[in-house]
C-alpha atoms as a PDB file:
ATOM      1  CA  UNK A   1     -72.048 129.902 -86.091  1.00  0.00           C
ATOM      2  CA  UNK A   2     -75.074 129.698 -88.362  1.00  0.00           C
ATOM      3  CA  UNK A   3     -78.721 129.001 -87.465  1.00  0.00           C
ATOM      4  CA  UNK A   4     -78.182 125.329 -88.367  1.00  0.00           C
ATOM      5  CA  UNK A   5     -75.089 124.870 -86.161  1.00  0.00           C
ATOM      6  CA  UNK A   6     -75.659 122.290 -83.413  1.00  0.00           C
ATOM      7  CA  UNK A   7     -72.122 121.660 -82.132  1.00  0.00           C
ATOM      8  CA  UNK A   8     -68.914 123.662 -81.855  1.00  0.00           C
ATOM      9  CA  UNK A   9     -66.031 121.162 -81.921  1.00  0.00           C
ATOM     10  CA  UNK A  10     -62.394 122.059 -81.386  1.00  0.00           C
ATOM     11  CA  UNK A  11     -59.231 120.819 -79.719  1.00  0.00           C
ATOM     12  CA  UNK A  12     -57.103 122.544 -77.136  1.00  0.00           C
ATOM     13  CA  UNK A  13     -54.128 122.395 -77.150  1.00  0.00           C
ATOM     14  CA  UNK A  14     -54.250 121.859 -80.915  1.00  0.00           C
ATOM     15  CA  UNK A  15     -51.976 119.528 -82.784  1.00  0.00           C
ATOM     16  CA  UNK A  16     -49.650 120.293 -84.546  1.00  0.00           C
ATOM     17  CA  UNK A  17     -49.746 124.091 -84.037  1.00  0.00           C
ATOM     18  CA  UNK A  18     -49.953 124.039 -80.214  1.00  0.00           C
ATOM     19  CA  UNK A  19     -52.565 126.814 -80.334  1.00  0.00           C
ATOM     20  CA  UNK A  20     -54.584 127.133 -77.132  1.00  0.00           C
ATOM     21  CA  UNK A  21     -58.276 127.846 -77.657  1.00  0.00           C
ATOM     22  CA  UNK A  22     -60.040 130.390 -75.452  1.00  0.00           C
ATOM     23  CA  UNK A  23     -62.508 127.823 -74.122  1.00  0.00           C
ATOM     24  CA  UNK A  24     -64.501 130.194 -71.851  1.00  0.00           C
ATOM     25  CA  UNK A  25     -65.065 132.717 -74.654  1.00  0.00           C
ATOM     26  CA  UNK A  26     -65.870 130.123 -77.299  1.00  0.00           C
ATOM     27  CA  UNK A  27     -68.252 128.376 -74.896  1.00  0.00           C
ATOM     28  CA  UNK A  28     -70.025 131.629 -74.031  1.00  0.00           C
ATOM     29  CA  UNK A  29     -70.529 132.477 -77.708  1.00  0.00           C
ATOM     30  CA  UNK A  30     -71.786 128.972 -78.490  1.00  0.00           C
ATOM     31  CA  UNK A  31     -74.126 128.824 -75.503  1.00  0.00           C
ATOM     32  CA  UNK A  32     -75.683 132.186 -76.447  1.00  0.00           C
ATOM     33  CA  UNK A  33     -76.776 130.452 -79.666  1.00  0.00           C
ATOM     34  CA  UNK A  34     -77.832 127.197 -77.905  1.00  0.00           C
ATOM     35  CA  UNK A  35     -74.901 125.358 -79.482  1.00  0.00           C
ATOM     36  CA  UNK A  36     -73.197 122.535 -77.567  1.00  0.00           C
ATOM     37  CA  UNK A  37     -69.422 122.691 -77.081  1.00  0.00           C
ATOM     38  CA  UNK A  38     -67.290 119.572 -77.592  1.00  0.00           C
ATOM     39  CA  UNK A  39     -63.570 119.790 -76.835  1.00  0.00           C
ATOM     40  CA  UNK A  40     -61.004 117.198 -77.879  1.00  0.00           C
ATOM     41  CA  UNK A  41     -58.612 117.353 -74.936  1.00  0.00           C
ATOM     42  CA  UNK A  42     -56.365 114.488 -76.074  1.00  0.00           C
ATOM     43  CA  UNK A  43     -53.209 116.597 -76.121  1.00  0.00           C
ATOM     44  CA  UNK A  44     -53.562 118.051 -72.621  1.00  0.00           C
ATOM     45  CA  UNK A  45     -55.732 115.891 -70.335  1.00  0.00           C
ATOM     46  CA  UNK A  46     -53.632 116.593 -67.248  1.00  0.00           C
ATOM     47  CA  UNK A  47     -53.226 120.343 -67.878  1.00  0.00           C
ATOM     48  CA  UNK A  48     -56.582 121.711 -69.028  1.00  0.00           C
ATOM     49  CA  UNK A  49     -60.068 120.844 -67.746  1.00  0.00           C
ATOM     50  CA  UNK A  50     -62.457 122.052 -70.470  1.00  0.00           C
ATOM     51  CA  UNK A  51     -65.557 121.018 -68.491  1.00  0.00           C
ATOM     52  CA  UNK A  52     -64.613 123.543 -65.809  1.00  0.00           C
ATOM     53  CA  UNK A  53     -64.184 126.185 -68.526  1.00  0.00           C
ATOM     54  CA  UNK A  54     -67.610 125.762 -70.140  1.00  0.00           C
ATOM     55  CA  UNK A  55     -67.410 122.742 -72.440  1.00  0.00           C
ATOM     56  CA  UNK A  56     -70.448 120.468 -72.517  1.00  0.00           C
ATOM     57  CA  UNK A  57     -68.545 117.368 -73.636  1.00  0.00           C
ATOM     58  CA  UNK A  58     -64.833 116.560 -73.332  1.00  0.00           C
ATOM     59  CA  UNK A  59     -63.195 113.705 -75.211  1.00  0.00           C
ATOM     60  CA  UNK A  60     -59.783 112.079 -74.877  1.00  0.00           C
ATOM     61  CA  UNK A  61     -57.961 109.503 -76.955  1.00  0.00           C
ATOM     62  CA  UNK A  62     -56.284 106.905 -74.759  1.00  0.00           C
ATOM     63  CA  UNK A  63     -53.921 106.041 -77.599  1.00  0.00           C
ATOM     64  CA  UNK A  64     -51.867 109.151 -76.861  1.00  0.00           C
ATOM     65  CA  UNK A  65     -50.684 110.698 -73.578  1.00  0.00           C
ATOM     66  CA  UNK A  66     -52.833 108.615 -71.206  1.00  0.00           C
ATOM     67  CA  UNK A  67     -51.473 105.284 -72.492  1.00  0.00           C
ATOM     68  CA  UNK A  68     -47.861 106.322 -72.070  1.00  0.00           C
ATOM     69  CA  UNK A  69     -46.773 106.742 -75.652  1.00  0.00           C
ATOM     70  CA  UNK A  70     -49.439 105.241 -77.912  1.00  0.00           C
ATOM     71  CA  UNK A  71     -48.663 101.669 -76.905  1.00  0.00           C
ATOM     72  CA  UNK A  72     -52.269 100.512 -76.467  1.00  0.00           C
END
């Protein structure tokens, strides 16, 4: 994070590595610097709730899991 950073954007669970981000820790670090946290939760919308873990904005793609196999 630099002085010009406005947003910390990441995905959890990440694709294709399946890495799980430490959302509470990343959010705490970002918020200390007045940086907003945006989490792409497309891969795990039914498993992880980033908003409850400190994210300011959570996004999902309905062309994946939610649509039942990218058939939208």
